[in-house]
Amino acid sequence: MSKREQQFRTYELKEMKVMDVQGLLQGAIAPRPICFASTIDKEGQINLSPFSFFNIFSSNPPVVIFSPARRGRDNTTKHTLENVLEVPEVCINMVNYDMVQQTSLSSTEYPKQVNEFIKSGFTQEPSISIKPPRVKESPVQMECAVNQVLPLGNEGGAGNLVICEIKLVHINIDVINAVGKIDQEKIDLVARMGGDWYARAHGDALFEVPKPLTTLGMGVDALPEEIRKSTILTGNDLGMLGNTEILPDKDSIEVYIRMNKQLQTILHQYSGEELKTELHKLAHELLLRKEVQGAWKVLLSSDTTI
């Protein structure tokens, strides 16, 4: 058995118990956004429950899908699923850090006649276009029509895709920035992980990766071999370097060297493999700060004489 084969454990899902499969997948496919779904039955009884099998799938029409699965232990269905089959409407409320504990409480399997808004302490806000109410405390509330419910199976653990078309979106002005967009720091969303774990999209957990849409990056395969096979530069480093379209010219590299005392010291004190190691270390530090052009100038500096 190769070293690579020893690094992985393979699971045959059809040989596993349903709850074990669910736990494995929830631990691996994460973080998952939370659909905090408010629904109503034909008698007017309200239900509020969170689901992390959820995401956006279309902008035109604006469609999101969540999946209230059949219970793995006894194959029963959830009140949310029963409600949208009776009244095909749902308000999807996004969950931020300030409301995560109450949201978790609402997932308790109370009897059908119990209103989880009351149990969890949330405020019912009347919707405009649908019957189910909104969660006032949620930073973003989406009033949706249910276009289709697609069962994925009849056994315990089988999902039911609730395909929702968004009709109205309500956004708390406190999470909108100066240019009218949602501020990812201010909205402070949370997501589900495996087991009892959640993730918080805030502070150091947030980072930006420029999308390679407007430029044609050279690709990792076009990088010099000594860079591609570096033991210091990471896969993320190579990805940033490979997303570069134009390399810095000789003049800009020379200017950079003159302005960078640390780089001057490295170029004067080291040679050969030691020089390459020190330059790769400095380039890695710059890439951690997203200074891609600076990293390139460092990596190319050994070929430049001043």
Protein backbone atom coordinates (compact mmCIF):
# COMPACT_ATOMS: atom_id res chain seq x y z
CA MET A 1 0.00 0.00 0.00
CA SER A 2 1.39 3.40 -1.01
CA LYS A 3 1.89 6.24 1.47
CA ARG A 4 -0.91 8.17 -0.25
CA GLU A 5 -3.32 5.24 0.13
CA GLN A 6 -2.45 5.02 3.82
CA GLN A 7 -3.46 8.68 4.28
CA PHE A 8 -7.11 8.03 3.43
CA ARG A 9 -9.86 5.88 4.88
CA THR A 10 -12.51 4.77 2.39
CA TYR A 11 -16.18 4.38 3.36
CA GLU A 12 -18.78 2.31 1.52
CA LEU A 13 -21.88 4.35 2.33
CA LYS A 14 -24.39 1.66 1.41
CA GLU A 15 -22.87 -0.54 4.14
CA MET A 16 -23.30 2.14 6.84
CA LYS A 17 -26.22 3.07 9.08
CA VAL A 18 -28.22 6.10 7.95
CA MET A 19 -27.29 8.19 10.99
CA ASP A 20 -23.60 7.39 10.51
CA VAL A 21 -23.78 8.45 6.85
CA GLN A 22 -25.48 11.69 7.85
CA GLY A 23 -22.85 12.43 10.49
CA LEU A 24 -20.02 11.74 8.08
CA LEU A 25 -21.47 13.96 5.35
CA GLN A 26 -22.33 16.79 7.73
CA GLY A 27 -18.78 16.76 9.02
CA ALA A 28 -17.30 16.80 5.53
CA ILE A 29 -19.66 19.16 3.69
CA ALA A 30 -19.39 22.28 5.79
CA PRO A 31 -19.89 25.05 6.67
CA ARG A 32 -23.48 25.04 5.48
CA PRO A 33 -25.74 28.14 5.50
CA ILE A 34 -28.84 27.90 7.66
CA CYS A 35 -32.37 28.20 6.32
CA PHE A 36 -34.51 29.31 9.27
CA ALA A 37 -37.89 28.40 7.81
CA SER A 38 -41.21 29.80 8.94
CA THR A 39 -44.21 27.90 7.59
CA ILE A 40 -47.94 27.61 8.27
CA ASP A 41 -50.50 24.82 7.85
CA LYS A 42 -54.03 25.09 6.47
CA GLU A 43 -55.37 25.53 10.02
CA GLY A 44 -53.14 28.54 10.60
CA GLN A 45 -50.66 26.83 12.95
CA ILE A 46 -47.16 28.27 12.60
CA ASN A 47 -43.89 26.33 12.62
CA LEU A 48 -40.34 27.68 12.80
CA SER A 49 -37.36 25.38 12.24
CA PRO A 50 -33.73 25.56 10.99
CA PHE A 51 -32.31 23.49 8.12
CA SER A 52 -28.71 23.38 6.96
CA PHE A 53 -29.31 21.44 3.76
CA PHE A 54 -29.83 24.76 1.98
CA ASN A 55 -28.43 27.08 -0.69
CA ILE A 56 -29.13 29.44 -3.61
CA PHE A 57 -29.45 27.86 -7.04
CA SER A 58 -30.64 30.61 -9.39
CA SER A 59 -30.78 34.39 -9.64
CA ASN A 60 -33.23 34.63 -12.55
CA PRO A 61 -35.65 33.43 -11.34
CA PRO A 62 -34.35 33.85 -7.76
CA VAL A 63 -34.54 30.30 -6.41
CA VAL A 64 -33.31 28.75 -3.18
CA ILE A 65 -33.70 25.14 -2.11
CA PHE A 66 -33.74 23.55 1.33
CA SER A 67 -34.35 19.96 2.32
CA PRO A 68 -36.31 18.78 5.37
CA ALA A 69 -35.28 15.12 5.39
CA ARG A 70 -37.33 12.21 6.67
CA ARG A 71 -36.14 11.28 10.17
CA GLY A 72 -33.54 8.54 10.06
CA ARG A 73 -34.65 6.88 13.29
CA ASP A 74 -38.33 6.30 12.47
CA ASN A 75 -38.95 7.61 8.90
CA THR A 76 -41.42 10.28 10.07
CA THR A 77 -41.70 13.63 8.32
CA LYS A 78 -41.14 17.07 9.79
CA HIS A 79 -43.82 19.67 10.36
CA THR A 80 -42.11 22.05 7.94
CA LEU A 81 -42.47 19.56 5.09
CA GLU A 82 -46.09 18.84 5.97
CA ASN A 83 -46.85 22.57 6.09
CA VAL A 84 -45.38 23.49 2.70
CA LEU A 85 -47.34 20.66 1.12
CA GLU A 86 -50.52 22.18 2.58
CA VAL A 87 -49.65 25.88 2.14
CA PRO A 88 -46.87 26.25 -0.47
CA GLU A 89 -45.22 29.30 1.08
CA VAL A 90 -42.21 29.81 3.34
CA CYS A 91 -40.30 32.69 4.88
CA ILE A 92 -36.58 31.93 4.95
CA ASN A 93 -34.78 33.90 7.63
CA MET A 94 -30.98 34.06 7.72
CA VAL A 95 -29.27 33.35 11.04
CA ASN A 96 -26.54 35.52 12.55
CA TYR A 97 -24.46 35.07 15.68
CA ASP A 98 -26.79 37.08 17.94
CA MET A 99 -29.65 34.62 17.37
CA VAL A 100 -27.89 31.27 17.08
CA GLN A 101 -28.79 29.93 20.54
CA GLN A 102 -32.48 30.72 20.10
CA THR A 103 -32.37 29.19 16.63
CA SER A 104 -30.92 25.99 18.04
CA LEU A 105 -33.67 25.90 20.69
CA SER A 106 -36.33 26.13 17.98
CA SER A 107 -35.08 22.86 16.47
CA THR A 108 -36.52 20.98 19.47
CA GLU A 109 -39.18 18.52 18.28
CA TYR A 110 -42.16 20.14 19.94
CA PRO A 111 -45.69 18.88 19.20
CA LYS A 112 -47.32 20.28 16.05
CA GLN A 113 -49.56 22.71 17.92
CA VAL A 114 -46.59 24.42 19.60
CA ASN A 115 -45.41 27.70 18.03
CA GLU A 116 -41.58 27.74 18.02
CA PHE A 117 -41.60 31.55 17.78
CA ILE A 118 -42.96 31.59 21.32
CA LYS A 119 -40.78 28.76 22.63
CA SER A 120 -37.56 30.28 21.28
CA GLY A 121 -38.45 33.88 22.09
CA PHE A 122 -38.42 35.29 18.57
CA THR A 123 -40.74 38.05 17.36
CA GLN A 124 -43.31 37.33 14.65
CA GLU A 125 -43.31 40.01 11.96
CA PRO A 126 -46.17 39.89 9.42
CA SER A 127 -45.06 39.08 5.89
CA ILE A 128 -46.33 41.15 2.96
CA SER A 129 -46.85 38.60 0.18
CA ILE A 130 -47.18 35.28 2.04
CA LYS A 131 -48.97 33.87 5.10
CA PRO A 132 -46.00 32.61 7.21
CA PRO A 133 -44.54 35.39 9.38
CA ARG A 134 -40.97 36.66 9.33
CA VAL A 135 -38.45 36.48 12.18
CA LYS A 136 -37.97 40.13 13.14
CA GLU A 137 -34.55 39.47 14.69
CA SER A 138 -33.16 37.99 11.46
CA PRO A 139 -30.94 40.35 9.41
CA VAL A 140 -32.34 39.06 6.09
CA GLN A 141 -35.84 37.67 5.56
CA MET A 142 -37.00 36.19 2.25
CA GLU A 143 -40.67 35.71 1.44
CA CYS A 144 -40.93 32.73 -0.90
CA ALA A 145 -43.49 30.82 -2.92
CA VAL A 146 -42.88 27.06 -2.99
CA ASN A 147 -42.78 26.05 -6.65
CA GLN A 148 -42.17 22.35 -6.12
CA VAL A 149 -41.40 19.73 -3.49
CA LEU A 150 -39.24 16.95 -4.87
CA PRO A 151 -38.93 13.78 -2.72
CA LEU A 152 -35.58 12.02 -3.03
CA GLY A 153 -36.74 8.76 -1.49
CA ASN A 154 -39.21 7.10 0.86
CA GLU A 155 -36.85 5.73 3.51
CA GLY A 156 -35.54 7.35 6.68
CA GLY A 157 -32.90 9.97 5.90
CA ALA A 158 -34.30 10.75 2.44
CA GLY A 159 -34.39 14.44 1.60
CA ASN A 160 -37.24 16.47 0.17
CA LEU A 161 -36.12 19.36 -2.01
CA VAL A 162 -38.32 22.38 -1.32
CA ILE A 163 -37.78 24.60 -4.35
CA CYS A 164 -38.59 28.18 -3.37
CA GLU A 165 -38.90 31.27 -5.53
CA ILE A 166 -38.09 34.46 -3.63
CA LYS A 167 -40.75 37.15 -3.98
CA LEU A 168 -39.59 39.76 -1.46
CA VAL A 169 -36.38 40.29 0.51
CA HIS A 170 -36.22 42.37 3.70
CA ILE A 171 -32.74 43.46 4.86
CA ASN A 172 -31.97 45.18 8.15
CA ILE A 173 -30.36 48.53 7.31
CA ASP A 174 -27.78 47.95 10.06
CA VAL A 175 -26.01 45.36 7.86
CA ILE A 176 -25.97 47.48 4.67
CA ASN A 177 -22.78 49.37 3.81
CA ALA A 178 -22.32 52.81 2.26
CA VAL A 179 -22.71 51.54 -1.30
CA GLY A 180 -25.92 49.66 -0.58
CA LYS A 181 -24.49 46.15 -0.33
CA ILE A 182 -24.57 43.69 2.56
CA ASP A 183 -21.51 44.17 4.76
CA GLN A 184 -20.14 40.68 5.43
CA GLU A 185 -18.63 41.76 8.75
CA LYS A 186 -21.80 43.42 10.00
CA ILE A 187 -24.21 40.64 9.04
CA ASP A 188 -22.14 38.19 11.15
CA LEU A 189 -23.71 35.02 9.74
CA VAL A 190 -23.29 31.57 11.23
CA ALA A 191 -23.22 28.19 9.51
CA ARG A 192 -23.53 24.56 10.55
CA MET A 193 -20.65 22.17 10.78
CA GLY A 194 -20.67 18.54 11.91
CA GLY A 195 -22.11 17.41 15.25
CA ASP A 196 -22.75 20.32 17.62
CA TRP A 197 -20.33 22.61 15.80
CA TYR A 198 -21.11 25.93 14.13
CA ALA A 199 -18.91 28.38 12.21
CA ARG A 200 -19.04 32.17 12.55
CA ALA A 201 -18.34 34.27 9.44
CA HIS A 202 -16.70 37.15 11.26
CA GLY A 203 -13.31 38.69 12.01
CA ASP A 204 -10.30 36.60 11.02
CA ALA A 205 -12.59 33.91 9.59
CA LEU A 206 -13.37 36.25 6.67
CA PHE A 207 -10.91 36.73 3.82
CA GLU A 208 -11.08 37.81 0.19
CA VAL A 209 -9.93 35.89 -2.88
CA PRO A 210 -10.03 37.94 -6.13
CA LYS A 211 -12.04 36.10 -8.76
CA PRO A 212 -10.13 35.36 -12.00
CA LEU A 213 -12.89 36.75 -14.22
CA THR A 214 -11.41 39.85 -15.87
CA THR A 215 -7.87 38.59 -16.42
CA LEU A 216 -6.36 35.45 -17.86
CA GLY A 217 -3.96 34.17 -15.23
CA MET A 218 -0.91 32.25 -16.42
CA GLY A 219 -1.84 29.20 -14.33
CA VAL A 220 0.24 27.17 -11.90
CA ASP A 221 1.52 25.02 -14.77
CA ALA A 222 3.27 28.06 -16.25
CA LEU A 223 5.23 28.86 -13.08
CA PRO A 224 8.98 28.15 -13.07
CA GLU A 225 9.71 24.64 -11.81
CA GLU A 226 11.63 25.84 -8.75
CA ILE A 227 8.53 27.78 -7.69
CA ARG A 228 6.08 24.96 -8.45
CA LYS A 229 8.16 22.48 -6.49
CA SER A 230 8.99 24.80 -3.61
CA THR A 231 8.83 23.22 -0.16
CA ILE A 232 7.99 26.61 1.35
CA LEU A 233 5.35 28.07 -0.96
CA THR A 234 1.90 26.56 -0.33
CA GLY A 235 -0.84 25.58 -2.74
CA ASN A 236 -2.60 28.86 -1.92
CA ASP A 237 0.64 30.72 -2.70
CA LEU A 238 0.93 29.00 -6.08
CA GLY A 239 -2.71 29.77 -6.84
CA MET A 240 -2.17 33.49 -6.25
CA LEU A 241 1.02 33.52 -8.31
CA GLY A 242 -0.69 31.59 -11.10
CA ASN A 243 -3.55 34.10 -11.17
CA THR A 244 -1.09 36.76 -12.36
CA GLU A 245 -1.40 37.86 -15.97
CA ILE A 246 1.65 40.12 -16.32
CA LEU A 247 4.93 39.76 -14.43
CA PRO A 248 6.73 42.82 -13.05
CA ASP A 249 9.37 44.26 -15.39
CA LYS A 250 13.06 44.61 -14.61
CA ASP A 251 12.83 48.31 -13.76
CA SER A 252 10.06 47.80 -11.19
CA ILE A 253 12.00 44.92 -9.61
CA GLU A 254 15.09 47.10 -9.28
CA VAL A 255 13.07 49.87 -7.63
CA TYR A 256 11.52 47.33 -5.25
CA ILE A 257 14.95 46.00 -4.24
CA ARG A 258 16.26 49.51 -3.52
CA MET A 259 13.25 50.22 -1.28
CA ASN A 260 13.28 46.91 0.59
CA LYS A 261 16.11 46.60 3.16
CA GLN A 262 15.13 43.04 4.12
CA LEU A 263 15.37 41.89 0.51
CA GLN A 264 18.72 43.68 0.07
CA THR A 265 20.10 41.85 3.11
CA ILE A 266 18.96 38.46 1.78
CA LEU A 267 20.48 39.10 -1.65
CA HIS A 268 23.83 40.12 -0.13
CA GLN A 269 24.09 37.44 2.57
CA TYR A 270 22.92 34.31 0.80
CA SER A 271 23.59 32.37 -2.38
CA GLY A 272 22.57 29.15 -4.07
CA GLU A 273 19.92 27.04 -2.33
CA GLU A 274 20.03 29.18 0.81
CA LEU A 275 19.20 32.26 -1.25
CA LYS A 276 16.26 30.49 -2.90
CA THR A 277 14.97 29.36 0.50
CA GLU A 278 15.12 32.85 2.00
CA LEU A 279 13.46 34.43 -1.03
CA HIS A 280 10.66 31.86 -0.93
CA LYS A 281 10.16 32.54 2.78
CA LEU A 282 9.85 36.28 2.16
CA ALA A 283 7.54 35.72 -0.82
CA HIS A 284 5.34 33.49 1.35
CA GLU A 285 5.07 36.24 3.98
CA LEU A 286 4.05 38.74 1.30
CA LEU A 287 1.45 36.38 -0.15
CA LEU A 288 -0.09 35.94 3.28
CA ARG A 289 -0.71 39.70 3.10
CA LYS A 290 -2.03 39.35 -0.49
CA GLU A 291 0.93 41.35 -1.86
CA VAL A 292 1.21 39.28 -5.04
CA GLN A 293 3.26 41.71 -7.13
CA GLY A 294 5.68 42.16 -4.23
CA ALA A 295 6.06 38.38 -3.96
CA TRP A 296 6.83 38.13 -7.66
CA LYS A 297 9.46 40.86 -7.37
CA VAL A 298 11.08 38.97 -4.53
CA LEU A 299 11.06 35.68 -6.44
CA LEU A 300 12.55 37.32 -9.52
CA SER A 301 15.02 39.49 -7.66
CA SER A 302 17.89 37.00 -7.78
CA ASP A 303 18.02 37.43 -11.59
CA THR A 304 18.28 41.22 -11.27
CA THR A 305 21.48 43.10 -10.61
CA ILE A 306 21.53 46.66 -9.27
